[in-house]
Amino acid sequence: LLLARAANEAQARRIGDQAGGRVFLFLYTDDIARDRRDMEARGVAFDEPIREEDYGRVCVFRDLYGARWDLIEPARRPSES
């Protein structure tokens, strides 16, 4: 993942709010509980507990600049169990 640096003051003011407060980056995992524990131990701030959705387990965290990410463990299909 490569993110561009802000090239001027107007762009710099948008850092952390590129998506207007919505999640705009997604990080997939095979073990959300493990990765959340590891991330929290390194100081990552989470906005919510892990929740169940039709597509899997998910929780929102913020990066160093305040951008919101989804940490997602996709639901397993019956053939994958």
C-alpha atoms as a PDB file:
ATOM      1  CA  LEU A   1       0.000   0.000   0.000  1.00  0.00           C
ATOM      2  CA  LEU A   2       1.481   3.316  -1.046  1.00  0.00           C
ATOM      3  CA  LEU A   3      -0.135   6.565   0.036  1.00  0.00           C
ATOM      4  CA  ALA A   4       0.823   9.906  -1.510  1.00  0.00           C
ATOM      5  CA  ARG A   5       2.134  12.736   0.650  1.00  0.00           C
ATOM      6  CA  ALA A   6       0.156  15.929   0.859  1.00  0.00           C
ATOM      7  CA  ALA A   7       1.591  18.332  -1.707  1.00  0.00           C
ATOM      8  CA  ASN A   8       0.097  21.556  -0.326  1.00  0.00           C
ATOM      9  CA  GLU A   9      -1.665  23.014   2.720  1.00  0.00           C
ATOM     10  CA  ALA A  10      -5.164  22.231   1.421  1.00  0.00           C
ATOM     11  CA  GLN A  11      -4.252  18.564   1.043  1.00  0.00           C
ATOM     12  CA  ALA A  12      -2.526  18.511   4.430  1.00  0.00           C
ATOM     13  CA  ARG A  13      -5.740  19.730   6.105  1.00  0.00           C
ATOM     14  CA  ARG A  14      -7.547  16.659   4.738  1.00  0.00           C
ATOM     15  CA  ILE A  15      -5.177  14.095   6.268  1.00  0.00           C
ATOM     16  CA  GLY A  16      -7.243  11.745   8.401  1.00  0.00           C
ATOM     17  CA  ASP A  17     -10.502  12.873   6.805  1.00  0.00           C
ATOM     18  CA  GLN A  18     -10.097  11.788   3.203  1.00  0.00           C
ATOM     19  CA  ALA A  19     -13.368   9.872   3.361  1.00  0.00           C
ATOM     20  CA  GLY A  20     -15.399  12.446   5.291  1.00  0.00           C
ATOM     21  CA  GLY A  21     -15.390  10.397   8.509  1.00  0.00           C
ATOM     22  CA  ARG A  22     -16.249   7.094   6.851  1.00  0.00           C
ATOM     23  CA  VAL A  23     -14.102   3.975   6.678  1.00  0.00           C
ATOM     24  CA  PHE A  24     -12.168   3.942   3.423  1.00  0.00           C
ATOM     25  CA  LEU A  25      -9.453   1.336   3.950  1.00  0.00           C
ATOM     26  CA  PHE A  26      -9.962  -2.370   4.656  1.00  0.00           C
ATOM     27  CA  LEU A  27      -7.536  -4.842   6.209  1.00  0.00           C
ATOM     28  CA  TYR A  28      -8.422  -8.536   5.972  1.00  0.00           C
ATOM     29  CA  THR A  29      -7.329 -11.141   8.519  1.00  0.00           C
ATOM     30  CA  ASP A  30      -7.829 -14.841   9.230  1.00  0.00           C
ATOM     31  CA  ASP A  31      -8.026 -14.188  13.010  1.00  0.00           C
ATOM     32  CA  ILE A  32      -9.555 -10.866  14.023  1.00  0.00           C
ATOM     33  CA  ALA A  33      -9.254 -11.452  17.783  1.00  0.00           C
ATOM     34  CA  ARG A  34      -5.524 -12.221  17.549  1.00  0.00           C
ATOM     35  CA  ASP A  35      -4.787  -9.256  15.295  1.00  0.00           C
ATOM     36  CA  ARG A  36      -6.840  -6.854  17.384  1.00  0.00           C
ATOM     37  CA  ARG A  37      -4.948  -7.910  20.537  1.00  0.00           C
ATOM     38  CA  ASP A  38      -1.619  -7.457  18.742  1.00  0.00           C
ATOM     39  CA  MET A  39      -2.625  -4.076  17.342  1.00  0.00           C
ATOM     40  CA  GLU A  40      -3.939  -2.808  20.694  1.00  0.00           C
ATOM     41  CA  ALA A  41      -0.674  -3.909  22.352  1.00  0.00           C
ATOM     42  CA  ARG A  42       1.102  -1.631  19.858  1.00  0.00           C
ATOM     43  CA  GLY A  43      -1.144   1.325  20.686  1.00  0.00           C
ATOM     44  CA  VAL A  44      -3.716   1.160  17.889  1.00  0.00           C
ATOM     45  CA  ALA A  45      -7.031   2.777  18.911  1.00  0.00           C
ATOM     46  CA  PHE A  46     -10.253   0.903  18.120  1.00  0.00           C
ATOM     47  CA  ASP A  47     -13.605   2.686  17.839  1.00  0.00           C
ATOM     48  CA  GLU A  48     -15.776  -0.314  18.671  1.00  0.00           C
ATOM     49  CA  PRO A  49     -15.802  -3.945  19.777  1.00  0.00           C
ATOM     50  CA  ILE A  50     -15.696  -6.764  17.246  1.00  0.00           C
ATOM     51  CA  ARG A  51     -19.153  -7.220  15.730  1.00  0.00           C
ATOM     52  CA  GLU A  52     -20.762  -9.925  13.616  1.00  0.00           C
ATOM     53  CA  GLU A  53     -21.993  -9.062  10.129  1.00  0.00           C
ATOM     54  CA  ASP A  54     -23.327 -11.244   7.312  1.00  0.00           C
ATOM     55  CA  TYR A  55     -19.960 -10.981   5.561  1.00  0.00           C
ATOM     56  CA  GLY A  56     -17.883 -11.803   8.674  1.00  0.00           C
ATOM     57  CA  ARG A  57     -16.490 -10.261  11.852  1.00  0.00           C
ATOM     58  CA  VAL A  58     -15.413  -6.615  11.768  1.00  0.00           C
ATOM     59  CA  CYS A  59     -14.222  -3.719  13.915  1.00  0.00           C
ATOM     60  CA  VAL A  60     -13.081  -0.185  13.123  1.00  0.00           C
ATOM     61  CA  PHE A  61      -9.690   1.238  14.061  1.00  0.00           C
ATOM     62  CA  ARG A  62      -7.860   4.495  13.359  1.00  0.00           C
ATOM     63  CA  ASP A  63      -4.376   4.924  11.972  1.00  0.00           C
ATOM     64  CA  LEU A  64      -1.795   7.489  13.142  1.00  0.00           C
ATOM     65  CA  TYR A  65      -3.529  10.224  11.154  1.00  0.00           C
ATOM     66  CA  GLY A  66      -7.091   9.473  12.230  1.00  0.00           C
ATOM     67  CA  ALA A  67      -8.177   7.649   9.071  1.00  0.00           C
ATOM     68  CA  ARG A  68     -10.737   4.929   9.813  1.00  0.00           C
ATOM     69  CA  TRP A  69     -10.075   1.333   8.716  1.00  0.00           C
ATOM     70  CA  ASP A  70     -12.139  -1.857   8.902  1.00  0.00           C
ATOM     71  CA  LEU A  71     -10.360  -4.935  10.245  1.00  0.00           C
ATOM     72  CA  ILE A  72     -12.320  -7.815   8.690  1.00  0.00           C
ATOM     73  CA  GLU A  73     -12.305 -11.569   9.201  1.00  0.00           C
ATOM     74  CA  PRO A  74     -14.450 -12.850   6.315  1.00  0.00           C
ATOM     75  CA  ALA A  75     -17.208 -15.327   7.100  1.00  0.00           C
ATOM     76  CA  ARG A  76     -16.298 -18.892   6.280  1.00  0.00           C
ATOM     77  CA  ARG A  77     -18.428 -20.626   3.713  1.00  0.00           C
ATOM     78  CA  PRO A  78     -19.784 -24.063   4.744  1.00  0.00           C
ATOM     79  CA  SER A  79     -17.254 -25.744   2.418  1.00  0.00           C
ATOM     80  CA  GLU A  80     -14.395 -24.022   4.304  1.00  0.00           C
ATOM     81  CA  SER A  81     -15.406 -25.206   7.783  1.00  0.00           C
END
